N, C-alpha and C. Protein backbone atom coordinates (compact mmCIF):
# COMPACT_ATOMS: atom_id res chain seq x y z
N UNK A 1 57.10 98.71 93.42
CA UNK A 1 58.20 98.22 93.26
C UNK A 1 59.43 99.91 93.02
N UNK A 2 58.57 100.56 92.41
CA UNK A 2 59.32 101.78 91.85
C UNK A 2 59.67 102.50 93.24
N UNK A 3 58.71 102.78 94.44
CA UNK A 3 58.60 103.65 95.51
C UNK A 3 59.65 102.87 96.23
N UNK A 4 59.81 101.42 96.61
CA UNK A 4 60.85 101.05 97.20
C UNK A 4 62.52 101.26 96.94
N UNK A 5 62.40 100.83 95.60
CA UNK A 5 64.00 101.47 94.82
C UNK A 5 64.12 103.38 95.30
N UNK A 6 62.93 104.37 95.54
CA UNK A 6 63.21 105.35 95.18
C UNK A 6 63.78 105.76 97.29
N UNK A 7 63.25 104.63 97.38
CA UNK A 7 63.56 104.62 99.37
C UNK A 7 64.71 103.94 99.37
N UNK A 8 64.91 103.04 99.09
CA UNK A 8 66.87 102.32 98.84
C UNK A 8 67.89 103.91 98.43
N UNK A 9 67.24 104.29 97.05
CA UNK A 9 67.97 105.49 96.91
C UNK A 9 68.49 106.65 98.06
N UNK A 10 66.98 106.96 98.80
CA UNK A 10 67.54 107.98 99.38
C UNK A 10 68.02 107.60 100.50
N UNK A 11 68.08 106.70 100.85
CA UNK A 11 68.73 105.85 102.16
C UNK A 11 70.23 105.49 101.53
N UNK A 12 70.20 104.96 100.36
CA UNK A 12 72.05 104.91 100.14
C UNK A 12 72.35 106.62 100.40
N UNK A 13 71.43 107.76 99.66
CA UNK A 13 72.32 108.98 99.64
C UNK A 13 72.75 109.78 101.07
N UNK A 14 71.45 109.12 102.16
CA UNK A 14 71.53 109.67 103.33
C UNK A 14 72.81 109.24 104.30
N UNK A 15 73.12 107.81 104.06
CA UNK A 15 73.77 106.87 104.76
C UNK A 15 75.84 107.41 104.14
N UNK A 16 75.65 107.96 102.46
CA UNK A 16 76.49 108.16 102.19
C UNK A 16 77.08 109.71 103.30
N UNK A 17 75.83 110.74 102.62
CA UNK A 17 76.10 111.99 103.63
C UNK A 17 76.43 111.73 104.53
N UNK A 18 76.26 111.03 105.14
CA UNK A 18 76.59 110.82 106.91
C UNK A 18 77.64 111.25 106.69
N UNK A 19 78.58 109.64 106.11
CA UNK A 19 79.94 109.18 106.06
C UNK A 19 80.75 110.60 105.56
N UNK A 20 80.00 110.89 104.66
CA UNK A 20 80.86 112.08 103.93
C UNK A 20 81.32 113.07 104.74
N UNK A 21 80.29 113.31 106.00
CA UNK A 21 80.29 114.72 107.02
C UNK A 21 81.25 114.05 108.18
N UNK A 22 80.72 113.12 108.56
CA UNK A 22 82.15 112.19 109.61
C UNK A 22 83.48 112.47 109.26
N UNK A 23 83.64 111.76 108.06
CA UNK A 23 84.74 112.37 107.40
C UNK A 23 85.56 113.41 107.57
N UNK A 24 84.87 114.17 106.76
CA UNK A 24 85.07 115.76 107.03
C UNK A 24 85.16 116.00 108.17
N UNK A 25 84.17 115.66 108.73
CA UNK A 25 84.44 116.96 110.63
C UNK A 25 85.74 115.19 111.50
N UNK A 26 86.22 114.81 111.04
CA UNK A 26 87.34 114.08 111.49
C UNK A 26 88.69 114.75 110.95
N UNK A 27 88.72 115.11 109.73
CA UNK A 27 89.46 115.33 109.05
C UNK A 27 89.93 116.92 109.10
N UNK A 28 88.82 117.57 109.53
CA UNK A 28 89.19 118.93 110.30
C UNK A 28 89.45 118.93 111.49
N UNK A 29 88.54 117.98 112.46
CA UNK A 29 89.35 118.12 114.07
C UNK A 29 91.16 117.84 114.12
N UNK A 30 91.42 117.13 113.23
CA UNK A 30 93.16 116.42 112.74
C UNK A 30 93.82 117.90 112.63
N UNK A 31 93.04 118.21 111.73
CA UNK A 31 94.23 119.52 111.20
C UNK A 31 94.40 120.67 112.01
N UNK A 32 93.03 121.40 112.47
CA UNK A 32 93.33 122.12 113.74
C UNK A 32 94.04 121.78 114.98
N UNK A 33 94.03 120.21 115.33
CA UNK A 33 94.94 119.62 116.19
C UNK A 33 96.18 119.66 115.84
N UNK A 34 96.30 119.76 114.05
CA UNK A 34 98.00 119.77 114.41
C UNK A 34 98.74 120.94 114.29
N UNK A 35 97.46 122.14 113.53
CA UNK A 35 97.92 123.76 113.84
C UNK A 35 97.93 124.17 115.06
N UNK A 36 97.03 123.40 116.09
CA UNK A 36 97.73 123.85 117.63
C UNK A 36 99.12 123.23 118.38
N UNK A 37 99.02 121.58 117.66
CA UNK A 37 100.41 121.63 118.13
C UNK A 37 101.90 122.29 117.40
N UNK A 38 101.45 122.79 116.58
CA UNK A 38 102.97 123.48 115.67
C UNK A 38 102.54 125.10 116.06
N UNK A 39 101.61 126.00 116.73
CA UNK A 39 101.07 126.85 116.86
C UNK A 39 101.36 127.07 118.78
N UNK A 40 101.87 125.90 119.31
CA UNK A 40 102.20 125.33 120.96
C UNK A 40 103.31 125.25 120.75
N UNK A 41 104.26 124.80 120.51
CA UNK A 41 105.71 124.70 120.17
C UNK A 41 105.88 123.16 120.15
N UNK A 42 105.27 122.36 119.72
CA UNK A 42 105.08 120.68 119.93
C UNK A 42 105.38 120.22 118.42
N UNK A 43 106.61 120.90 117.80
CA UNK A 43 106.38 120.34 116.55
C UNK A 43 106.98 118.65 116.24
N UNK A 44 107.96 118.36 117.12
CA UNK A 44 108.12 117.35 117.66
C UNK A 44 106.84 115.84 117.67
N UNK A 45 105.97 116.26 118.35
CA UNK A 45 104.53 115.80 118.49
C UNK A 45 103.65 115.19 117.53
N UNK A 46 104.32 116.76 116.23
CA UNK A 46 103.51 116.10 115.20
C UNK A 46 104.39 115.66 114.11
N UNK A 47 105.46 115.92 114.55
CA UNK A 47 106.15 114.63 113.53
C UNK A 47 106.22 113.25 113.59
N UNK A 48 106.23 113.18 115.25
CA UNK A 48 105.77 111.85 115.43
C UNK A 48 104.52 111.38 114.82
N UNK A 49 103.29 111.59 115.27
CA UNK A 49 102.13 111.66 114.30
C UNK A 49 102.02 111.57 113.08
N UNK A 50 102.91 111.95 112.58
CA UNK A 50 103.34 112.17 110.86
C UNK A 50 103.63 111.11 110.52
N UNK A 51 104.94 110.93 111.12
CA UNK A 51 105.86 109.34 110.77
C UNK A 51 104.44 107.87 110.83
N UNK A 52 104.02 108.09 112.26
CA UNK A 52 103.58 107.03 112.68
C UNK A 52 102.77 106.46 111.50
N UNK A 53 101.94 107.85 111.02
CA UNK A 53 100.68 107.88 109.95
C UNK A 53 101.81 107.08 108.35
N UNK A 54 102.85 107.70 108.51
CA UNK A 54 103.49 107.02 106.99
C UNK A 54 103.86 105.95 107.30
N UNK A 55 104.44 105.47 108.44
CA UNK A 55 105.04 104.18 108.78
C UNK A 55 103.81 102.98 108.34
N UNK A 56 102.26 103.35 108.90
CA UNK A 56 101.78 102.09 108.61
C UNK A 56 100.95 102.19 107.39
N UNK A 57 100.83 103.36 106.55
CA UNK A 57 100.21 103.45 105.21
C UNK A 57 101.48 103.14 104.00
N UNK A 58 102.75 103.83 104.58
CA UNK A 58 103.56 103.94 103.17
C UNK A 58 103.97 102.45 103.25
N UNK A 59 104.44 102.07 101.64
CA UNK A 59 104.10 100.50 101.08
C UNK A 59 105.83 100.06 101.07
N UNK A 60 106.66 101.38 101.22
CA UNK A 60 108.16 101.31 101.86
C UNK A 60 108.34 100.82 102.71
N UNK A 61 107.75 100.89 103.96
CA UNK A 61 107.44 100.06 105.48
C UNK A 61 106.99 98.46 105.39
N UNK A 62 107.15 97.93 103.99
CA UNK A 62 106.49 96.84 104.43
C UNK A 62 107.06 95.87 105.18
N UNK A 63 108.35 95.57 105.81
CA UNK A 63 108.89 95.71 106.78
C UNK A 63 108.78 95.73 108.08
N UNK A 64 108.07 96.42 108.27
CA UNK A 64 107.16 97.02 110.01
C UNK A 64 105.82 95.94 109.55
N UNK A 65 105.63 95.43 111.38
CA UNK A 65 104.57 94.18 111.27
C UNK A 65 103.09 95.54 110.79
N UNK A 66 103.11 96.78 111.65
CA UNK A 66 102.20 97.41 112.03
C UNK A 66 101.62 98.08 110.70
N UNK A 67 102.24 97.88 109.46
CA UNK A 67 102.18 98.15 107.95
C UNK A 67 100.97 97.72 107.44
N UNK A 68 100.14 97.93 106.83
CA UNK A 68 99.21 97.68 106.29
C UNK A 68 99.48 96.53 105.40
N UNK A 69 100.92 97.25 104.42
CA UNK A 69 100.84 96.15 103.77
C UNK A 69 102.27 95.39 103.60
N UNK A 70 101.90 94.88 105.09
CA UNK A 70 103.05 93.19 106.01
C UNK A 70 103.35 93.00 104.64
N UNK A 71 104.72 91.70 104.66
CA UNK A 71 104.72 90.76 103.73
C UNK A 71 105.45 89.90 105.43
N UNK A 72 104.72 89.93 105.77
CA UNK A 72 105.47 88.86 107.07
C UNK A 72 105.98 87.26 106.39
N UNK A 73 106.45 86.54 107.59
CA UNK A 73 106.76 85.11 107.17
C UNK A 73 105.02 84.25 106.60
N UNK A 74 104.53 83.90 105.85
CA UNK A 74 103.74 83.35 105.34
C UNK A 74 103.84 81.37 105.55
N UNK A 75 103.42 80.89 106.63
CA UNK A 75 103.77 79.69 106.63
C UNK A 75 102.74 78.90 106.32
């Protein structure tokens, strides 16, 4: 029984390590893309992307159907 628990713990650790590594890779890629946009003079594109993320996540935009906090007409 202890062997099964140790294997389960090891598997959970490895899965969380993979997800953490993937999250860090995605975040670093996005940050490098943002630096590239700013360095190449495309501030408007970075502003558009930033606004799109804010509109989707920020709770103050609840009237937008694309927002995760959208409180539309529930019938």
